[in-house]
Amino acid sequence: KSSLSFDKLEVLQGRTVYVFPDLSKNGSTFREWEAKAKEYELKMNRTRFIFSDLLERLAPEQDKSKGNDFADYLIKQDWREFRTY
């Protein structure tokens, strides 16, 4: 949850950044990150943060209670299925 800090993100200045916030029981992390990103956009010229609510909409309550993030879903996948030959 603490990963969305200005110090870590300023290297992305001038880019479009897609954000998949960590899950939380009541969606508070999503709202917190979204508010921070709006603040950072004002400090970082030509930077845009686009938030995905995919996890918020589709994750079961159990995953929200655990605070799962996008990586928790990716590591369950077999990377070989995504290889192109």
Protein backbone atom coordinates (compact mmCIF):
# COMPACT_ATOMS: atom_id res chain seq x y z
CA LYS A 1 0.00 0.00 0.00
CA SER A 2 2.88 2.35 0.72
CA SER A 3 4.41 1.79 -2.72
CA LEU A 4 2.61 4.73 -4.28
CA SER A 5 5.00 7.45 -3.16
CA PHE A 6 6.21 10.49 -5.03
CA ASP A 7 9.85 9.46 -4.58
CA LYS A 8 9.23 6.15 -6.33
CA LEU A 9 7.01 7.57 -9.06
CA GLU A 10 8.81 10.74 -10.14
CA VAL A 11 10.97 8.68 -12.51
CA LEU A 12 7.78 8.12 -14.55
CA GLN A 13 7.33 11.81 -15.29
CA GLY A 14 5.96 12.45 -18.78
CA ARG A 15 4.42 9.01 -19.12
CA THR A 16 0.99 7.46 -19.01
CA VAL A 17 0.92 5.02 -16.09
CA TYR A 18 -1.69 2.30 -15.59
CA VAL A 19 -2.34 1.59 -11.92
CA PHE A 20 -3.88 -1.52 -10.38
CA PRO A 21 -4.32 -0.62 -6.69
CA ASP A 22 -4.08 -3.22 -3.96
CA LEU A 23 -7.36 -4.57 -2.72
CA SER A 24 -8.90 -3.57 0.59
CA LYS A 25 -12.12 -4.53 2.35
CA ASN A 26 -13.89 -1.26 1.70
CA GLY A 27 -12.02 0.06 -1.35
CA SER A 28 -10.08 2.56 0.76
CA THR A 29 -6.74 1.75 -0.89
CA PHE A 30 -8.18 2.46 -4.34
CA ARG A 31 -9.51 5.84 -3.21
CA GLU A 32 -6.30 6.70 -1.35
CA TRP A 33 -4.09 5.89 -4.32
CA GLU A 34 -6.37 7.75 -6.71
CA ALA A 35 -6.21 10.89 -4.55
CA LYS A 36 -2.41 10.66 -4.29
CA ALA A 37 -2.07 10.20 -8.04
CA LYS A 38 -4.10 13.34 -8.75
CA GLU A 39 -1.77 15.26 -6.45
CA TYR A 40 1.30 13.78 -8.18
CA GLU A 41 -0.05 14.64 -11.64
CA LEU A 42 0.01 18.31 -10.64
CA LYS A 43 3.69 18.02 -9.71
CA MET A 44 4.77 15.92 -12.71
CA ASN A 45 4.41 17.56 -16.11
CA ARG A 46 2.75 15.50 -18.85
CA THR A 47 2.17 12.56 -16.48
CA ARG A 48 -1.15 10.75 -16.37
CA PHE A 49 -2.25 7.98 -14.05
CA ILE A 50 -5.05 5.74 -15.30
CA PHE A 51 -6.66 3.57 -12.64
CA SER A 52 -8.12 0.15 -13.25
CA ASP A 53 -10.96 -0.96 -11.03
CA LEU A 54 -10.76 -4.50 -12.41
CA LEU A 55 -9.74 -6.04 -9.09
CA GLU A 56 -12.28 -3.98 -7.14
CA ARG A 57 -15.08 -5.21 -9.40
CA LEU A 58 -14.11 -8.86 -9.80
CA ALA A 59 -12.19 -9.98 -6.72
CA PRO A 60 -13.99 -12.09 -4.14
CA GLU A 61 -14.43 -10.65 -0.65
CA GLN A 62 -11.83 -13.10 0.70
CA ASP A 63 -9.15 -11.58 -1.55
CA LYS A 64 -10.20 -8.07 -0.55
CA SER A 65 -9.88 -8.99 3.13
CA LYS A 66 -6.35 -10.27 2.52
CA GLY A 67 -5.37 -7.10 0.64
CA ASN A 68 -4.31 -9.02 -2.45
CA ASP A 69 -2.77 -7.17 -5.36
CA PHE A 70 -2.36 -7.75 -9.08
CA ALA A 71 0.82 -9.78 -8.54
CA ASP A 72 -1.10 -12.25 -6.37
CA TYR A 73 -3.14 -13.16 -9.44
CA LEU A 74 -0.25 -13.14 -11.90
CA ILE A 75 1.87 -15.60 -9.91
CA LYS A 76 -0.93 -18.15 -10.12
CA GLN A 77 -0.66 -18.21 -13.92
CA ASP A 78 1.57 -20.51 -15.95
CA TRP A 79 3.80 -18.12 -17.89
CA ARG A 80 4.29 -20.75 -20.62
CA GLU A 81 0.68 -20.24 -21.71
CA PHE A 82 1.53 -16.66 -22.71
CA ARG A 83 4.62 -17.44 -24.79
CA THR A 84 4.56 -16.82 -28.49
CA TYR A 85 6.55 -19.15 -30.69
